[in-house]
């Protein structure tokens, strides 16, 4: 029998809800001004991919090496670079649910990054308990645990566990079918063949990136290098700074291992994960094992 996640359900203050409303409106405003919407569930490899995309533009246009693309910051330096919105879409969905038609993304180029739901949920677990502040939890409407649960408890019972990731992917799979200009990328394919997949992203962006630029971006974004840069606070944004250099689980770039969730689960728990994927996740993502 599954152990329930022990959480204290906090009353969401009007201030937190107001902050969330402001974020929703700000995200919609940024979406309206963007050319490219890059969407993924949290902890699906978005930061890693974002660093590689940033490196492509840095190398091609001679931009500062310690910044990553963020909305219109690169576009203001060079108008040839599109305006990006990197988002999970959860704030926008407060006003326009994923199923809403017409979609607020309808006029944008859309890149959707998918990752295996169990790996995503495990990575989110470490983010939640090592990097997320109480204020962020309230604004994001995330549960606050009275004690740190076991990983499988989080996966199987948390409102932001694996079922939540599966539901998110399924809803977006339906939405992508109605979007004429989208690119679906799988994290696992990026890890297996980063140069090939990054070149595919670059072509979708119409960036005219050479194989040499792609290879250099992949090399720069190798996990060991990113962790060193994070430890050294190389990037201007504190979002890419380690919370605790002595705690590897506090890093923004943590492990990135494909199938790494298996390292934290028993055989019976792994079997549960596989059954959930087989019966609930849309097959288009290619994560079913049977």
Protein backbone atom coordinates (compact mmCIF):
# COMPACT_ATOMS: atom_id res chain seq x y z
CA UNK A 1 0.00 0.00 0.00
CA UNK A 2 1.36 3.38 -0.98
CA UNK A 3 2.48 5.65 1.81
CA UNK A 4 0.75 9.01 1.65
CA UNK A 5 2.84 12.16 1.45
CA UNK A 6 2.73 14.01 4.76
CA UNK A 7 2.04 17.64 3.97
CA UNK A 8 0.74 20.65 5.80
CA UNK A 9 -1.79 22.41 3.58
CA UNK A 10 -1.10 26.07 4.01
CA UNK A 11 -3.70 28.71 3.35
CA UNK A 12 -2.61 30.62 0.29
CA UNK A 13 -2.48 34.25 1.24
CA UNK A 14 -4.15 36.88 -0.95
CA UNK A 15 -0.67 38.31 -1.49
CA UNK A 16 0.58 34.99 -2.95
CA UNK A 17 -2.45 34.73 -5.22
CA UNK A 18 -1.96 38.34 -6.31
CA UNK A 19 1.68 37.61 -7.11
CA UNK A 20 0.59 34.62 -9.16
CA UNK A 21 -1.91 36.74 -11.08
CA UNK A 22 0.83 39.28 -11.81
CA UNK A 23 3.07 36.47 -13.09
CA UNK A 24 0.28 35.18 -15.33
CA UNK A 25 -0.23 38.58 -16.88
CA UNK A 26 3.52 39.13 -17.25
CA UNK A 27 3.93 35.74 -18.95
CA UNK A 28 1.11 36.52 -21.37
CA UNK A 29 2.69 39.86 -22.16
CA UNK A 30 6.04 38.21 -22.79
CA UNK A 31 4.41 35.54 -24.92
CA UNK A 32 2.72 38.18 -27.06
CA UNK A 33 6.09 39.86 -27.65
CA UNK A 34 7.98 36.63 -28.40
CA UNK A 35 8.80 34.84 -31.63
CA UNK A 36 9.71 31.48 -30.07
CA UNK A 37 7.94 29.73 -27.19
CA UNK A 38 10.07 27.00 -25.61
CA UNK A 39 7.85 24.87 -23.38
CA UNK A 40 8.61 22.03 -21.00
CA UNK A 41 7.69 20.73 -17.59
CA UNK A 42 10.09 21.93 -14.90
CA UNK A 43 13.31 19.92 -14.63
CA UNK A 44 13.02 18.42 -18.11
CA UNK A 45 16.39 19.70 -19.31
CA UNK A 46 15.24 23.18 -20.28
CA UNK A 47 18.18 24.99 -18.66
CA UNK A 48 20.73 22.72 -20.34
CA UNK A 49 19.08 23.17 -23.74
CA UNK A 50 18.77 26.89 -23.14
CA UNK A 51 22.49 27.17 -22.45
CA UNK A 52 23.27 25.38 -25.73
CA UNK A 53 20.92 27.65 -27.70
CA UNK A 54 22.47 30.65 -26.00
CA UNK A 55 25.96 29.45 -26.88
CA UNK A 56 24.98 29.18 -30.55
CA UNK A 57 23.94 32.82 -30.65
CA UNK A 58 26.88 33.93 -28.49
CA UNK A 59 29.38 32.36 -30.85
CA UNK A 60 27.67 33.49 -34.04
CA UNK A 61 27.10 37.11 -32.99
CA UNK A 62 29.87 37.73 -30.44
CA UNK A 63 27.55 38.13 -27.44
CA UNK A 64 28.64 38.08 -23.75
CA UNK A 65 29.53 34.56 -22.63
CA UNK A 66 28.09 34.87 -19.11
CA UNK A 67 24.50 35.56 -20.14
CA UNK A 68 21.85 33.16 -21.37
CA UNK A 69 19.03 34.07 -23.70
CA UNK A 70 16.12 35.53 -21.74
CA UNK A 71 13.14 37.04 -23.54
CA UNK A 72 14.45 39.95 -25.64
CA UNK A 73 17.92 40.41 -24.12
CA UNK A 74 19.72 38.94 -27.16
CA UNK A 75 17.29 40.58 -29.60
CA UNK A 76 18.15 44.00 -28.17
CA UNK A 77 21.82 43.29 -28.82
CA UNK A 78 21.17 42.00 -32.34
CA UNK A 79 17.72 42.26 -34.01
CA UNK A 80 18.52 39.17 -36.11
CA UNK A 81 18.02 37.05 -32.97
CA UNK A 82 14.41 36.15 -32.16
CA UNK A 83 12.67 36.93 -28.88
CA UNK A 84 12.28 33.81 -26.71
CA UNK A 85 9.92 32.79 -23.96
CA UNK A 86 11.11 29.80 -21.91
CA UNK A 87 8.22 28.58 -19.82
CA UNK A 88 6.34 25.67 -18.31
CA UNK A 89 3.18 27.54 -19.26
CA UNK A 90 1.54 27.03 -15.87
CA UNK A 91 0.91 30.73 -15.22
CA UNK A 92 -0.45 31.25 -18.72
CA UNK A 93 -2.70 28.21 -18.17
CA UNK A 94 -4.33 30.01 -15.23
CA UNK A 95 -5.93 32.31 -17.80
CA UNK A 96 -5.81 30.17 -20.95
CA UNK A 97 -5.83 26.42 -20.15
CA UNK A 98 -3.75 24.20 -22.43
CA UNK A 99 -6.96 23.07 -24.15
CA UNK A 100 -8.13 26.62 -24.86
CA UNK A 101 -8.84 27.44 -28.48
CA UNK A 102 -7.67 29.64 -29.98
CA UNK A 103 -4.38 28.97 -28.26
CA UNK A 104 -2.37 31.99 -27.04
CA UNK A 105 0.66 30.26 -28.64
CA UNK A 106 -0.98 29.95 -32.07
CA UNK A 107 1.16 32.56 -33.87
CA UNK A 108 4.47 31.47 -32.33
CA UNK A 109 7.08 28.95 -33.27
CA UNK A 110 6.81 26.38 -30.51
CA UNK A 111 9.49 24.01 -29.23
CA UNK A 112 8.26 21.40 -26.77
CA UNK A 113 10.82 19.48 -24.72
CA UNK A 114 9.64 16.18 -23.22
CA UNK A 115 11.37 13.97 -20.66
CA UNK A 116 10.46 10.64 -19.07
CA UNK A 117 7.91 11.45 -16.33
CA UNK A 118 9.74 9.51 -13.61
CA UNK A 119 13.07 11.23 -14.28
CA UNK A 120 11.24 14.57 -14.38
CA UNK A 121 9.45 13.92 -11.09
CA UNK A 122 12.64 12.78 -9.34
CA UNK A 123 14.53 15.84 -10.56
CA UNK A 124 11.63 18.04 -9.43
CA UNK A 125 11.82 16.37 -6.00
CA UNK A 126 15.41 17.53 -5.54
CA UNK A 127 14.55 21.00 -6.83
CA UNK A 128 11.60 21.22 -4.44
CA UNK A 129 13.54 20.23 -1.33
CA UNK A 130 16.90 21.88 -2.08
CA UNK A 131 16.30 25.06 -4.07
CA UNK A 132 12.70 26.26 -3.64
CA UNK A 133 11.80 28.92 -1.07
CA UNK A 134 8.56 29.01 0.91
CA UNK A 135 7.41 32.11 -1.00
CA UNK A 136 7.93 30.34 -4.32
CA UNK A 137 6.04 27.32 -3.04
CA UNK A 138 3.07 29.51 -2.20
CA UNK A 139 3.07 31.35 -5.52
CA UNK A 140 3.47 28.11 -7.45
CA UNK A 141 0.70 26.48 -5.33
CA UNK A 142 3.03 23.65 -4.39
CA UNK A 143 2.62 21.58 -1.24
CA UNK A 144 4.91 22.23 1.69
CA UNK A 145 5.91 19.01 3.43
CA UNK A 146 6.26 18.82 7.20
CA UNK A 147 9.19 16.49 6.56
CA UNK A 148 11.12 15.42 3.49
CA UNK A 149 9.34 12.36 2.09
CA UNK A 150 10.90 9.34 0.46
CA UNK A 151 11.37 9.73 -3.28
CA UNK A 152 8.84 7.05 -4.20
CA UNK A 153 6.27 8.64 -1.90
CA UNK A 154 6.75 11.88 -3.79
CA UNK A 155 6.49 10.14 -7.16
CA UNK A 156 3.39 8.15 -6.30
CA UNK A 157 1.32 10.41 -4.05
CA UNK A 158 2.40 14.04 -4.35
CA UNK A 159 0.07 16.40 -6.25
CA UNK A 160 3.16 17.34 -8.27
CA UNK A 161 4.41 13.77 -8.60
CA UNK A 162 4.52 11.54 -11.65
CA UNK A 163 0.77 11.62 -12.36
CA UNK A 164 0.95 15.39 -12.66
CA UNK A 165 3.79 15.14 -15.18
CA UNK A 166 1.90 12.53 -17.21
CA UNK A 167 -1.23 14.69 -17.29
CA UNK A 168 0.82 17.70 -18.41
CA UNK A 169 2.45 15.74 -21.26
CA UNK A 170 -0.84 14.25 -22.41
CA UNK A 171 -2.58 17.63 -22.51
CA UNK A 172 0.27 19.18 -24.46
CA UNK A 173 0.36 16.27 -26.90
CA UNK A 174 -3.22 17.11 -27.84
CA UNK A 175 -2.38 20.81 -28.11
CA UNK A 176 0.63 20.17 -30.34
CA UNK A 177 -1.56 18.42 -32.90
CA UNK A 178 -3.37 21.71 -33.46
CA UNK A 179 -0.20 23.80 -33.63
CA UNK A 180 1.08 24.18 -37.20
CA UNK A 181 4.64 25.26 -36.42
CA UNK A 182 6.05 23.15 -33.61
CA UNK A 183 9.06 20.96 -32.91
CA UNK A 184 8.91 18.09 -30.41
CA UNK A 185 12.26 17.26 -28.80
CA UNK A 186 12.93 14.49 -26.31
CA UNK A 187 15.50 14.99 -23.60
CA UNK A 188 16.69 11.42 -24.02
CA UNK A 189 17.46 12.03 -27.71
CA UNK A 190 19.34 15.20 -26.80
CA UNK A 191 21.48 13.27 -24.34
CA UNK A 192 22.12 10.43 -26.79
CA UNK A 193 22.90 12.61 -29.83
CA UNK A 194 23.25 16.21 -28.65
CA UNK A 195 24.84 17.56 -31.84
CA UNK A 196 22.17 16.02 -34.07
CA UNK A 197 19.27 17.25 -31.92
CA UNK A 198 20.75 20.71 -31.36
CA UNK A 199 21.26 21.04 -35.12
CA UNK A 200 17.59 20.14 -35.55
CA UNK A 201 16.63 22.86 -33.08
CA UNK A 202 18.92 25.33 -34.82
CA UNK A 203 17.35 24.57 -38.18
CA UNK A 204 13.88 25.08 -36.72
CA UNK A 205 15.06 28.46 -35.45
CA UNK A 206 16.35 29.31 -38.95
CA UNK A 207 19.60 30.34 -37.30
CA UNK A 208 22.00 29.21 -40.01
CA UNK A 209 24.28 27.58 -37.45
CA UNK A 210 27.25 25.67 -38.82
CA UNK A 211 28.21 22.19 -37.61
CA UNK A 212 31.25 23.79 -35.94
CA UNK A 213 29.03 26.16 -33.91
CA UNK A 214 26.79 23.27 -32.91
CA UNK A 215 29.74 21.11 -31.82
CA UNK A 216 31.22 23.93 -29.74
CA UNK A 217 27.87 24.62 -28.04
CA UNK A 218 27.51 20.94 -27.14
CA UNK A 219 31.03 20.84 -25.72
CA UNK A 220 30.47 24.00 -23.68
CA UNK A 221 27.23 22.62 -22.20
CA UNK A 222 28.67 19.30 -21.04
CA UNK A 223 27.33 18.64 -17.55
CA UNK A 224 30.71 18.60 -15.85
CA UNK A 225 31.54 22.01 -17.30
CA UNK A 226 28.16 23.48 -16.43
CA UNK A 227 28.46 22.28 -12.85
CA UNK A 228 31.91 23.88 -12.61
CA UNK A 229 30.55 27.15 -14.03
CA UNK A 230 27.62 26.97 -11.64
CA UNK A 231 29.95 26.39 -8.70
CA UNK A 232 32.13 29.31 -9.80
CA UNK A 233 29.09 31.58 -10.30
CA UNK A 234 30.16 32.20 -13.90
CA UNK A 235 26.72 33.12 -15.20
CA UNK A 236 25.26 36.55 -14.53
CA UNK A 237 21.91 35.05 -13.51
CA UNK A 238 21.75 33.68 -9.96
CA UNK A 239 19.32 31.05 -11.27
CA UNK A 240 22.45 29.24 -12.48
CA UNK A 241 24.31 29.43 -9.18
CA UNK A 242 24.58 26.46 -6.82
CA UNK A 243 22.72 26.94 -3.55
CA UNK A 244 25.37 24.94 -1.70
CA UNK A 245 28.64 23.93 -3.35
CA UNK A 246 28.97 21.04 -0.90
CA UNK A 247 25.56 19.60 -1.79
CA UNK A 248 25.38 18.27 -5.37
CA UNK A 249 21.59 18.02 -5.09
CA UNK A 250 21.36 21.81 -4.67
CA UNK A 251 22.78 22.46 -8.13
CA UNK A 252 20.51 23.66 -10.92
CA UNK A 253 22.37 21.25 -13.20
CA UNK A 254 22.31 18.14 -11.04
CA UNK A 255 22.83 14.81 -12.82
CA UNK A 256 20.85 14.71 -16.04
CA UNK A 257 21.06 10.93 -16.19
CA UNK A 258 18.62 9.16 -18.49
CA UNK A 259 16.72 6.59 -16.47
CA UNK A 260 18.32 7.89 -13.30
CA UNK A 261 15.07 7.46 -11.37
CA UNK A 262 15.86 3.73 -11.20
CA UNK A 263 18.79 4.48 -8.88
CA UNK A 264 16.36 5.61 -6.17
CA UNK A 265 13.69 2.90 -6.43
CA UNK A 266 13.23 -0.78 -5.62
CA UNK A 267 12.34 -3.30 -8.38
CA UNK A 268 8.68 -3.25 -7.28
CA UNK A 269 8.62 0.55 -7.41
CA UNK A 270 10.22 0.55 -10.86
CA UNK A 271 7.53 -1.89 -11.99
CA UNK A 272 4.88 0.51 -10.68
CA UNK A 273 6.43 3.34 -12.70
CA UNK A 274 6.41 1.24 -15.86
CA UNK A 275 2.76 0.28 -15.36
CA UNK A 276 1.80 3.93 -14.90
CA UNK A 277 3.62 4.89 -18.08
CA UNK A 278 2.13 1.99 -20.05
CA UNK A 279 -1.46 2.69 -19.02
CA UNK A 280 -1.61 6.48 -18.68
CA UNK A 281 0.96 8.21 -20.89
CA UNK A 282 0.25 8.88 -24.55
CA UNK A 283 2.34 6.56 -26.78
CA UNK A 284 3.52 9.41 -29.04
CA UNK A 285 6.30 10.25 -26.59
CA UNK A 286 7.87 6.79 -26.96
CA UNK A 287 8.33 6.07 -23.25
CA UNK A 288 6.24 2.90 -23.07
CA UNK A 289 8.30 -0.24 -22.53
CA UNK A 290 5.68 -2.78 -23.51
